[in-house]
Amino acid sequence: MNKLLLKLAITAVAASLLASNPMDGQVSPATQKAARVRITEGPDVELAKEHLTIIRWTTNNPGGSPVHYGIVHYGTDPKNLSQIAKSPIKLNTDHSSTVFRVQLDDLKPGITYYYTVDSMEANGTGDGVMISVHRFTAAGALQQPQVAARKKPSQK
């Protein structure tokens, strides 16, 4: 009889563990959306290496859904920012500000890029961040052909 109760208890514990969803405890509920999201710091180039640049900026906490995306619209023409890079972030409801970092890949060294930044909820609702166009020059130099140094003829 004790063996039967032990098997029953083990089965019940195993079933409750298998039936529970550990992700339920990790998903933060949506919080009240900020009346106005504004940039409090940046945007700035945080890291610049050949072919990649990271743009960083800080806003007040936008609230809303717990998952947000930092978005950078960029290109080589300030009137045509047709390229988009985005990076997910999980909001910390205990913080009054949020730091966004977005990586731009496959940049051409020595070329000037223009960009604006924004953020949005996971459902695609934008936070309405409005900024002017900024610029940076991608790290690395354009390769110039090397010219061999000529030796001057010796004079006697």
N, C-alpha and C. Protein backbone atom coordinates (compact mmCIF):
# COMPACT_ATOMS: atom_id res chain seq x y z
N MET A 1 0.81 -1.18 0.00
CA MET A 1 0.00 0.00 0.00
C MET A 1 0.87 1.26 0.00
N ASN A 2 1.97 1.28 0.78
CA ASN A 2 2.87 2.42 0.82
C ASN A 2 3.53 2.64 -0.53
N LYS A 3 3.85 1.52 -1.22
CA LYS A 3 4.46 1.64 -2.54
C LYS A 3 3.47 2.27 -3.52
N LEU A 4 2.22 1.90 -3.41
CA LEU A 4 1.19 2.44 -4.27
C LEU A 4 1.03 3.95 -4.04
N LEU A 5 1.02 4.38 -2.77
CA LEU A 5 0.92 5.80 -2.46
C LEU A 5 2.14 6.57 -2.95
N LEU A 6 3.31 5.98 -2.82
CA LEU A 6 4.54 6.62 -3.28
C LEU A 6 4.50 6.80 -4.80
N LYS A 7 4.09 5.77 -5.53
CA LYS A 7 3.99 5.85 -6.99
C LYS A 7 2.97 6.91 -7.39
N LEU A 8 1.87 6.96 -6.68
CA LEU A 8 0.83 7.95 -6.96
C LEU A 8 1.35 9.37 -6.73
N ALA A 9 2.09 9.58 -5.65
CA ALA A 9 2.64 10.89 -5.33
C ALA A 9 3.67 11.31 -6.38
N ILE A 10 4.53 10.40 -6.79
CA ILE A 10 5.54 10.70 -7.81
C ILE A 10 4.86 11.05 -9.14
N THR A 11 3.85 10.29 -9.49
CA THR A 11 3.12 10.55 -10.73
C THR A 11 2.44 11.92 -10.69
N ALA A 12 1.86 12.27 -9.57
CA ALA A 12 1.18 13.57 -9.43
C ALA A 12 2.19 14.72 -9.55
N VAL A 13 3.34 14.58 -8.91
CA VAL A 13 4.37 15.62 -8.97
C VAL A 13 4.89 15.75 -10.40
N ALA A 14 5.17 14.63 -11.05
CA ALA A 14 5.68 14.65 -12.42
C ALA A 14 4.65 15.28 -13.36
N ALA A 15 3.40 14.94 -13.20
CA ALA A 15 2.35 15.50 -14.05
C ALA A 15 2.22 17.00 -13.84
N SER A 16 2.32 17.46 -12.60
CA SER A 16 2.21 18.91 -12.36
C SER A 16 3.40 19.66 -12.94
N LEU A 17 4.59 19.05 -12.91
CA LEU A 17 5.76 19.70 -13.49
C LEU A 17 5.66 19.76 -15.01
N LEU A 18 5.18 18.69 -15.61
CA LEU A 18 5.05 18.66 -17.06
C LEU A 18 3.94 19.57 -17.55
N ALA A 19 2.92 19.74 -16.79
CA ALA A 19 1.78 20.56 -17.20
C ALA A 19 2.03 22.05 -16.99
N SER A 20 2.97 22.42 -16.13
CA SER A 20 3.22 23.84 -15.87
C SER A 20 4.05 24.42 -17.01
N ASN A 21 3.90 25.71 -17.24
CA ASN A 21 4.64 26.40 -18.27
C ASN A 21 5.57 27.40 -17.59
N PRO A 22 6.90 27.13 -17.61
CA PRO A 22 7.83 28.04 -16.93
C PRO A 22 7.88 29.42 -17.56
N MET A 23 7.49 29.55 -18.82
CA MET A 23 7.50 30.87 -19.48
C MET A 23 6.43 31.79 -18.91
N ASP A 24 5.36 31.25 -18.36
CA ASP A 24 4.30 32.09 -17.79
C ASP A 24 4.85 33.03 -16.73
N GLY A 25 5.79 32.57 -15.94
CA GLY A 25 6.36 33.39 -14.88
C GLY A 25 7.38 34.38 -15.39
N GLN A 26 7.84 34.23 -16.66
CA GLN A 26 8.88 35.10 -17.19
C GLN A 26 8.34 36.24 -18.05
N VAL A 27 7.10 36.18 -18.45
CA VAL A 27 6.54 37.21 -19.30
C VAL A 27 5.96 38.33 -18.43
N SER A 28 6.49 39.51 -18.62
CA SER A 28 5.99 40.65 -17.86
C SER A 28 4.68 41.13 -18.48
N PRO A 29 3.77 41.55 -17.67
CA PRO A 29 2.53 42.09 -18.24
C PRO A 29 2.79 43.46 -18.85
N ALA A 30 1.90 43.87 -19.73
CA ALA A 30 2.02 45.20 -20.31
C ALA A 30 1.85 46.24 -19.20
N THR A 31 2.56 47.34 -19.34
CA THR A 31 2.46 48.41 -18.35
C THR A 31 1.83 49.63 -19.03
N GLN A 32 1.49 50.60 -18.24
CA GLN A 32 0.88 51.81 -18.79
C GLN A 32 1.85 52.47 -19.75
N LYS A 33 1.37 52.81 -20.91
CA LYS A 33 2.19 53.46 -21.93
C LYS A 33 2.48 54.90 -21.53
N ALA A 34 3.70 55.34 -21.79
CA ALA A 34 4.09 56.71 -21.48
C ALA A 34 3.29 57.68 -22.35
N ALA A 35 2.94 58.82 -21.79
CA ALA A 35 2.19 59.83 -22.54
C ALA A 35 3.00 60.33 -23.73
N ARG A 36 4.30 60.46 -23.53
CA ARG A 36 5.20 60.92 -24.59
C ARG A 36 6.56 60.27 -24.38
N VAL A 37 7.07 59.63 -25.43
CA VAL A 37 8.41 59.04 -25.36
C VAL A 37 9.38 60.04 -25.97
N ARG A 38 10.41 60.36 -25.21
CA ARG A 38 11.40 61.33 -25.70
C ARG A 38 12.80 60.80 -25.43
N ILE A 39 13.70 61.18 -26.29
CA ILE A 39 15.10 60.78 -26.15
C ILE A 39 15.74 61.67 -25.10
N THR A 40 16.37 61.05 -24.11
CA THR A 40 17.02 61.80 -23.05
C THR A 40 18.54 61.82 -23.21
N GLU A 41 19.07 60.92 -24.03
CA GLU A 41 20.51 60.86 -24.28
C GLU A 41 20.75 60.25 -25.65
N GLY A 42 21.64 60.89 -26.43
CA GLY A 42 21.95 60.36 -27.76
C GLY A 42 20.99 60.89 -28.80
N PRO A 43 20.92 60.20 -29.92
CA PRO A 43 21.63 58.97 -30.27
C PRO A 43 23.09 59.24 -30.59
N ASP A 44 23.91 58.25 -30.31
CA ASP A 44 25.34 58.33 -30.53
C ASP A 44 25.86 57.02 -31.11
N VAL A 45 27.01 57.10 -31.74
CA VAL A 45 27.70 55.89 -32.18
C VAL A 45 28.40 55.32 -30.95
N GLU A 46 27.96 54.15 -30.51
CA GLU A 46 28.58 53.52 -29.34
C GLU A 46 29.82 52.72 -29.73
N LEU A 47 29.76 52.08 -30.89
CA LEU A 47 30.87 51.24 -31.34
C LEU A 47 30.96 51.37 -32.85
N ALA A 48 32.16 51.54 -33.35
CA ALA A 48 32.36 51.60 -34.79
C ALA A 48 33.55 50.73 -35.16
N LYS A 49 33.28 49.69 -35.91
CA LYS A 49 34.32 48.81 -36.42
C LYS A 49 34.08 48.66 -37.91
N GLU A 50 35.08 48.15 -38.60
CA GLU A 50 34.91 47.98 -40.03
C GLU A 50 33.67 47.12 -40.29
N HIS A 51 32.79 47.60 -41.11
CA HIS A 51 31.56 46.93 -41.56
C HIS A 51 30.45 46.87 -40.52
N LEU A 52 30.63 47.40 -39.31
CA LEU A 52 29.53 47.38 -38.35
C LEU A 52 29.62 48.57 -37.42
N THR A 53 28.45 49.09 -37.08
CA THR A 53 28.35 50.23 -36.16
C THR A 53 27.17 49.98 -35.24
N ILE A 54 27.30 50.37 -33.97
CA ILE A 54 26.19 50.26 -33.03
C ILE A 54 25.76 51.67 -32.64
N ILE A 55 24.47 51.93 -32.83
CA ILE A 55 23.87 53.22 -32.46
C ILE A 55 23.15 53.02 -31.13
N ARG A 56 23.37 53.93 -30.19
CA ARG A 56 22.79 53.82 -28.85
C ARG A 56 22.05 55.12 -28.51
N TRP A 57 20.90 54.96 -27.84
CA TRP A 57 20.17 56.12 -27.33
C TRP A 57 19.34 55.69 -26.13
N THR A 58 18.97 56.67 -25.32
CA THR A 58 18.19 56.43 -24.11
C THR A 58 16.91 57.24 -24.19
N THR A 59 15.80 56.61 -23.77
CA THR A 59 14.51 57.30 -23.70
C THR A 59 13.95 57.12 -22.30
N ASN A 60 12.91 57.89 -22.00
CA ASN A 60 12.14 57.56 -20.82
C ASN A 60 11.49 56.20 -21.10
N ASN A 61 11.09 55.47 -20.08
CA ASN A 61 10.52 54.14 -20.29
C ASN A 61 9.22 54.28 -21.07
N PRO A 62 9.14 53.66 -22.28
CA PRO A 62 7.95 53.85 -23.10
C PRO A 62 6.70 53.12 -22.60
N GLY A 63 6.88 52.10 -21.75
CA GLY A 63 5.73 51.34 -21.27
C GLY A 63 5.08 50.57 -22.40
N GLY A 64 3.87 50.10 -22.15
CA GLY A 64 3.18 49.28 -23.16
C GLY A 64 3.62 47.84 -23.04
N SER A 65 3.79 47.18 -24.18
CA SER A 65 4.16 45.76 -24.14
C SER A 65 5.59 45.61 -23.62
N PRO A 66 5.89 44.48 -22.98
CA PRO A 66 7.21 44.30 -22.39
C PRO A 66 8.33 44.18 -23.42
N VAL A 67 8.01 43.75 -24.63
CA VAL A 67 9.03 43.63 -25.67
C VAL A 67 8.92 44.83 -26.60
N HIS A 68 10.02 45.48 -26.81
CA HIS A 68 10.11 46.62 -27.71
C HIS A 68 11.24 46.37 -28.70
N TYR A 69 11.29 47.20 -29.72
CA TYR A 69 12.38 47.15 -30.70
C TYR A 69 12.95 48.54 -30.85
N GLY A 70 14.29 48.62 -30.82
CA GLY A 70 14.96 49.84 -31.22
C GLY A 70 15.09 49.78 -32.73
N ILE A 71 14.82 50.89 -33.41
CA ILE A 71 14.83 50.91 -34.86
C ILE A 71 15.70 52.05 -35.36
N VAL A 72 16.54 51.75 -36.34
CA VAL A 72 17.35 52.77 -36.99
C VAL A 72 17.03 52.73 -38.48
N HIS A 73 16.58 53.88 -39.00
CA HIS A 73 16.39 54.05 -40.44
C HIS A 73 17.65 54.75 -40.93
N TYR A 74 18.32 54.18 -41.94
CA TYR A 74 19.59 54.77 -42.37
C TYR A 74 19.82 54.61 -43.87
N GLY A 75 20.79 55.35 -44.37
CA GLY A 75 21.17 55.29 -45.78
C GLY A 75 22.25 56.31 -46.06
N THR A 76 22.69 56.36 -47.30
CA THR A 76 23.75 57.28 -47.67
C THR A 76 23.22 58.63 -48.17
N ASP A 77 21.91 58.74 -48.28
CA ASP A 77 21.25 59.98 -48.69
C ASP A 77 20.32 60.42 -47.54
N PRO A 78 20.52 61.60 -46.97
CA PRO A 78 19.70 62.00 -45.82
C PRO A 78 18.21 62.11 -46.13
N LYS A 79 17.85 62.17 -47.41
CA LYS A 79 16.44 62.25 -47.79
C LYS A 79 15.87 60.90 -48.20
N ASN A 80 16.69 59.86 -48.12
CA ASN A 80 16.24 58.52 -48.49
C ASN A 80 16.85 57.49 -47.52
N LEU A 81 16.29 57.40 -46.33
CA LEU A 81 16.77 56.45 -45.31
C LEU A 81 16.02 55.13 -45.50
N SER A 82 16.38 54.43 -46.55
CA SER A 82 15.62 53.24 -46.95
C SER A 82 16.05 51.95 -46.27
N GLN A 83 17.18 51.95 -45.60
CA GLN A 83 17.62 50.75 -44.90
C GLN A 83 17.13 50.80 -43.46
N ILE A 84 16.79 49.63 -42.92
CA ILE A 84 16.26 49.55 -41.55
C ILE A 84 17.00 48.46 -40.78
N ALA A 85 17.39 48.79 -39.58
CA ALA A 85 17.96 47.80 -38.66
C ALA A 85 17.16 47.89 -37.37
N LYS A 86 16.90 46.75 -36.75
CA LYS A 86 16.18 46.79 -35.47
C LYS A 86 16.72 45.72 -34.54
N SER A 87 16.50 45.97 -33.28
CA SER A 87 17.00 45.07 -32.25
C SER A 87 15.98 44.99 -31.12
N PRO A 88 15.66 43.76 -30.66
CA PRO A 88 14.68 43.62 -29.58
C PRO A 88 15.26 43.97 -28.22
N ILE A 89 14.38 44.39 -27.33
CA ILE A 89 14.77 44.68 -25.96
C ILE A 89 13.57 44.37 -25.06
N LYS A 90 13.85 43.90 -23.87
CA LYS A 90 12.77 43.67 -22.89
C LYS A 90 12.81 44.83 -21.90
N LEU A 91 11.69 45.52 -21.78
CA LEU A 91 11.62 46.67 -20.87
C LEU A 91 11.73 46.23 -19.42
N ASN A 92 12.41 47.02 -18.63
CA ASN A 92 12.45 46.80 -17.19
C ASN A 92 11.49 47.80 -16.57
N THR A 93 10.37 47.30 -16.07
CA THR A 93 9.34 48.20 -15.54
C THR A 93 9.79 48.95 -14.30
N ASP A 94 10.86 48.48 -13.66
CA ASP A 94 11.36 49.16 -12.46
C ASP A 94 12.26 50.35 -12.78
N HIS A 95 12.64 50.50 -14.05
CA HIS A 95 13.52 51.60 -14.44
C HIS A 95 12.73 52.71 -15.12
N SER A 96 13.14 53.93 -14.88
CA SER A 96 12.44 55.06 -15.50
C SER A 96 12.95 55.35 -16.91
N SER A 97 14.06 54.73 -17.29
CA SER A 97 14.59 54.96 -18.64
C SER A 97 14.90 53.63 -19.31
N THR A 98 15.07 53.69 -20.62
CA THR A 98 15.37 52.50 -21.41
C THR A 98 16.50 52.83 -22.37
N VAL A 99 17.52 51.96 -22.44
CA VAL A 99 18.63 52.14 -23.35
C VAL A 99 18.43 51.21 -24.55
N PHE A 100 18.46 51.79 -25.73
CA PHE A 100 18.33 51.02 -26.96
C PHE A 100 19.69 50.96 -27.65
N ARG A 101 20.02 49.79 -28.19
CA ARG A 101 21.24 49.61 -28.98
C ARG A 101 20.86 48.84 -30.24
N VAL A 102 21.24 49.38 -31.38
CA VAL A 102 20.93 48.72 -32.64
C VAL A 102 22.21 48.61 -33.46
N GLN A 103 22.45 47.41 -33.97
CA GLN A 103 23.65 47.13 -34.76
C GLN A 103 23.35 47.27 -36.25
N LEU A 104 24.19 48.04 -36.93
CA LEU A 104 24.10 48.20 -38.38
C LEU A 104 25.23 47.39 -38.99
N ASP A 105 24.91 46.47 -39.87
CA ASP A 105 25.91 45.57 -40.46
C ASP A 105 26.19 45.91 -41.91
N ASP A 106 27.28 45.36 -42.40
CA ASP A 106 27.66 45.45 -43.82
C ASP A 106 27.78 46.88 -44.32
N LEU A 107 28.36 47.73 -43.50
CA LEU A 107 28.57 49.12 -43.91
C LEU A 107 29.84 49.22 -44.74
N LYS A 108 29.88 50.18 -45.63
CA LYS A 108 31.05 50.38 -46.47
C LYS A 108 32.00 51.34 -45.76
N PRO A 109 33.24 50.93 -45.55
CA PRO A 109 34.21 51.78 -44.83
C PRO A 109 34.40 53.13 -45.50
N GLY A 110 34.47 54.16 -44.68
CA GLY A 110 34.74 55.50 -45.16
C GLY A 110 33.54 56.22 -45.76
N ILE A 111 32.38 55.56 -45.79
CA ILE A 111 31.18 56.15 -46.38
C ILE A 111 30.37 56.83 -45.27
N THR A 112 29.82 57.99 -45.55
CA THR A 112 28.97 58.70 -44.58
C THR A 112 27.55 58.17 -44.68
N TYR A 113 27.00 57.82 -43.54
CA TYR A 113 25.62 57.34 -43.44
C TYR A 113 24.81 58.33 -42.62
N TYR A 114 23.53 58.46 -42.96
CA TYR A 114 22.60 59.31 -42.26
C TYR A 114 21.56 58.42 -41.60
N TYR A 115 21.04 58.84 -40.44
CA TYR A 115 20.10 57.97 -39.73
C TYR A 115 19.16 58.73 -38.82
N THR A 116 18.03 58.10 -38.52
CA THR A 116 17.12 58.52 -37.46
C THR A 116 16.82 57.28 -36.63
N VAL A 117 16.34 57.49 -35.42
CA VAL A 117 16.01 56.36 -34.54
C VAL A 117 14.56 56.45 -34.09
N ASP A 118 14.03 55.30 -33.71
CA ASP A 118 12.67 55.21 -33.19
C ASP A 118 12.60 53.93 -32.37
N SER A 119 11.48 53.69 -31.76
CA SER A 119 11.24 52.44 -31.05
C SER A 119 9.78 52.06 -31.24
N MET A 120 9.50 50.77 -31.08
CA MET A 120 8.12 50.32 -31.23
C MET A 120 7.88 49.10 -30.37
N GLU A 121 6.60 48.87 -30.07
CA GLU A 121 6.20 47.69 -29.33
C GLU A 121 6.28 46.48 -30.26
N ALA A 122 6.24 45.29 -29.69
CA ALA A 122 6.33 44.06 -30.48
C ALA A 122 5.19 43.93 -31.48
N ASN A 123 4.06 44.56 -31.19
CA ASN A 123 2.91 44.49 -32.11
C ASN A 123 3.01 45.48 -33.27
N GLY A 124 4.09 46.25 -33.33
CA GLY A 124 4.30 47.19 -34.42
C GLY A 124 3.86 48.61 -34.13
N THR A 125 3.29 48.85 -32.96
CA THR A 125 2.87 50.21 -32.59
C THR A 125 4.09 51.04 -32.25
N GLY A 126 4.31 52.11 -33.00
CA GLY A 126 5.47 52.97 -32.77
C GLY A 126 5.32 53.80 -31.51
N ASP A 127 6.46 54.17 -30.94
CA ASP A 127 6.46 55.00 -29.73
C ASP A 127 6.44 56.49 -30.06
N GLY A 128 6.58 56.85 -31.32
CA GLY A 128 6.45 58.25 -31.72
C GLY A 128 7.65 59.11 -31.41
N VAL A 129 8.84 58.52 -31.35
CA VAL A 129 10.05 59.30 -31.11
C VAL A 129 10.37 60.08 -32.38
N MET A 130 10.51 61.36 -32.25
CA MET A 130 10.80 62.20 -33.41
C MET A 130 12.14 62.90 -33.20
N ILE A 131 13.07 62.65 -34.12
CA ILE A 131 14.37 63.33 -34.04
C ILE A 131 14.79 63.76 -35.43
N SER A 132 15.77 64.65 -35.46
CA SER A 132 16.33 65.07 -36.74
C SER A 132 17.30 64.00 -37.24
N VAL A 133 17.72 64.15 -38.47
CA VAL A 133 18.66 63.20 -39.08
C VAL A 133 20.05 63.44 -38.52
N HIS A 134 20.72 62.36 -38.13
CA HIS A 134 22.10 62.40 -37.66
C HIS A 134 22.99 61.73 -38.71
N ARG A 135 24.30 61.82 -38.53
CA ARG A 135 25.21 61.18 -39.48
C ARG A 135 26.46 60.65 -38.79
N PHE A 136 27.09 59.69 -39.46
CA PHE A 136 28.38 59.16 -39.04
C PHE A 136 29.09 58.63 -40.28
N THR A 137 30.38 58.49 -40.17
CA THR A 137 31.16 57.89 -41.25
C THR A 137 31.60 56.52 -40.78
N ALA A 138 31.33 55.50 -41.59
CA ALA A 138 31.66 54.12 -41.23
C ALA A 138 33.16 53.98 -41.01
N ALA A 139 33.52 53.18 -40.03
CA ALA A 139 34.93 52.97 -39.67
C ALA A 139 35.68 52.31 -40.81
N GLY A 140 36.97 52.49 -40.81
CA GLY A 140 37.82 51.93 -41.86
C GLY A 140 38.03 53.00 -42.92
N ALA A 141 39.05 52.84 -43.69
CA ALA A 141 39.33 53.83 -44.72
C ALA A 141 39.16 53.19 -46.08
N LEU A 142 38.78 54.01 -47.02
CA LEU A 142 38.74 53.52 -48.39
C LEU A 142 40.17 53.18 -48.79
N GLN A 143 40.34 52.07 -49.43
CA GLN A 143 41.68 51.64 -49.81
C GLN A 143 42.16 52.43 -51.01
N GLN A 144 43.25 53.12 -50.84
CA GLN A 144 43.86 53.87 -51.93
C GLN A 144 45.02 53.03 -52.48
N PRO A 145 45.24 53.09 -53.78
CA PRO A 145 46.36 52.31 -54.33
C PRO A 145 47.67 52.81 -53.73
N GLN A 146 48.52 51.88 -53.42
CA GLN A 146 49.82 52.22 -52.86
C GLN A 146 50.78 52.57 -53.99
N VAL A 147 51.47 53.66 -53.85
CA VAL A 147 52.46 54.07 -54.85
C VAL A 147 53.83 53.78 -54.26
N ALA A 148 54.61 53.07 -55.03
CA ALA A 148 55.96 52.75 -54.57
C ALA A 148 56.78 54.02 -54.50
N ALA A 149 57.54 54.17 -53.43
CA ALA A 149 58.40 55.34 -53.27
C ALA A 149 59.56 55.24 -54.25
N ARG A 150 59.83 56.33 -54.93
CA ARG A 150 60.96 56.34 -55.86
C ARG A 150 62.22 56.74 -55.12
N LYS A 151 63.26 56.09 -55.48
CA LYS A 151 64.56 56.49 -54.93
C LYS A 151 65.09 57.65 -55.75
N LYS A 152 65.59 58.62 -55.06
CA LYS A 152 66.19 59.76 -55.77
C LYS A 152 67.56 59.32 -56.27
N PRO A 153 67.87 59.73 -57.48
CA PRO A 153 69.20 59.35 -57.98
C PRO A 153 70.28 60.04 -57.13
N SER A 154 71.30 59.30 -56.83
CA SER A 154 72.35 59.90 -55.98
C SER A 154 73.17 60.88 -56.80
N GLN A 155 73.50 61.96 -56.16
CA GLN A 155 74.29 62.99 -56.84
C GLN A 155 75.70 62.90 -56.38
N LYS A 156 76.65 63.03 -57.31
CA LYS A 156 78.07 63.00 -56.96
C LYS A 156 78.72 64.27 -57.28
